[in-house]
């Protein structure tokens, strides 16, 4: 089962979560779980979205020309077929 994740913030907690997901990829796949980080919103890195998944490098690079704001975040969430919070 594919699980799309939207990280709000990419500080210590967000970075560690992404790292844990990468480290646990094989174990999660064994359970039929495929977590994919599809969006990250932070003040420093801006708002990034890719429905096929963001790489760690893309997240680190950020998008300084695309500031994070609530309207943009709502638009991204609206693009998803289903959203669970």
Protein backbone atom coordinates (compact mmCIF):
# COMPACT_ATOMS: atom_id res chain seq x y z
CA UNK A 1 0.00 0.00 0.00
CA UNK A 2 1.44 3.34 -1.05
CA UNK A 3 1.26 6.05 1.62
CA UNK A 4 1.83 9.64 0.48
CA UNK A 5 3.34 11.87 3.16
CA UNK A 6 3.30 15.66 3.43
CA UNK A 7 5.89 16.96 5.90
CA UNK A 8 5.15 20.31 7.50
CA UNK A 9 8.60 21.51 8.47
CA UNK A 10 11.94 19.90 7.76
CA UNK A 11 13.98 20.55 10.87
CA UNK A 12 15.33 17.93 13.24
CA UNK A 13 12.11 15.91 13.40
CA UNK A 14 11.27 16.03 9.69
CA UNK A 15 14.82 15.13 8.64
CA UNK A 16 14.95 12.24 11.11
CA UNK A 17 11.58 10.93 9.96
CA UNK A 18 12.77 10.95 6.33
CA UNK A 19 15.97 9.17 7.38
CA UNK A 20 14.05 6.53 9.35
CA UNK A 21 11.78 5.90 6.37
CA UNK A 22 14.80 5.34 4.11
CA UNK A 23 16.47 3.06 6.68
CA UNK A 24 13.25 1.05 7.15
CA UNK A 25 12.40 0.78 3.46
CA UNK A 26 13.04 -2.99 3.21
CA UNK A 27 11.18 -3.82 6.43
CA UNK A 28 8.20 -1.68 5.42
CA UNK A 29 8.15 -3.22 1.94
CA UNK A 30 7.98 -6.63 3.60
CA UNK A 31 4.78 -5.45 5.25
CA UNK A 32 3.42 -4.13 1.97
CA UNK A 33 3.90 -0.49 2.97
CA UNK A 34 5.52 2.03 0.63
CA UNK A 35 5.77 5.48 2.24
CA UNK A 36 6.53 8.28 -0.22
CA UNK A 37 7.28 11.87 0.76
CA UNK A 38 5.33 13.80 -1.86
CA UNK A 39 5.43 17.27 -0.30
CA UNK A 40 7.45 19.33 2.15
CA UNK A 41 6.58 22.79 3.38
CA UNK A 42 9.01 24.83 5.44
CA UNK A 43 9.97 28.46 5.89
CA UNK A 44 13.57 27.85 4.87
CA UNK A 45 13.06 25.46 1.94
CA UNK A 46 9.72 26.73 0.64
CA UNK A 47 7.00 24.47 -0.69
CA UNK A 48 7.91 21.39 -2.73
CA UNK A 49 5.53 18.88 -4.30
CA UNK A 50 6.05 15.92 -6.58
CA UNK A 51 3.33 13.24 -6.69
CA UNK A 52 5.94 10.62 -7.62
CA UNK A 53 8.03 11.45 -4.54
CA UNK A 54 10.77 13.85 -3.47
CA UNK A 55 14.38 12.75 -3.10
CA UNK A 56 16.43 13.75 -0.06
CA UNK A 57 18.59 15.90 -2.35
CA UNK A 58 15.59 17.76 -3.73
CA UNK A 59 14.31 18.43 -0.23
CA UNK A 60 17.71 19.69 0.94
CA UNK A 61 18.01 21.99 -2.09
CA UNK A 62 14.55 23.45 -1.45
CA UNK A 63 12.70 25.90 -3.63
CA UNK A 64 13.53 29.41 -2.43
CA UNK A 65 11.49 30.93 -5.29
CA UNK A 66 8.35 29.17 -4.09
CA UNK A 67 7.57 30.41 -0.59
CA UNK A 68 5.44 28.34 1.74
CA UNK A 69 1.97 29.71 2.36
CA UNK A 70 -1.40 28.31 3.34
CA UNK A 71 -3.04 28.88 -0.04
CA UNK A 72 -0.32 26.97 -1.88
CA UNK A 73 -0.50 24.18 0.68
CA UNK A 74 -4.29 23.94 0.29
CA UNK A 75 -3.90 23.80 -3.50
CA UNK A 76 -1.49 20.88 -3.21
CA UNK A 77 -3.78 19.03 -0.85
CA UNK A 78 -6.63 19.64 -3.29
CA UNK A 79 -4.63 17.87 -6.02
CA UNK A 80 -4.64 14.63 -4.05
CA UNK A 81 -7.53 12.22 -4.58
CA UNK A 82 -7.83 11.47 -0.89
CA UNK A 83 -6.32 13.13 2.14
CA UNK A 84 -6.27 11.76 5.66
CA UNK A 85 -5.04 13.76 8.60
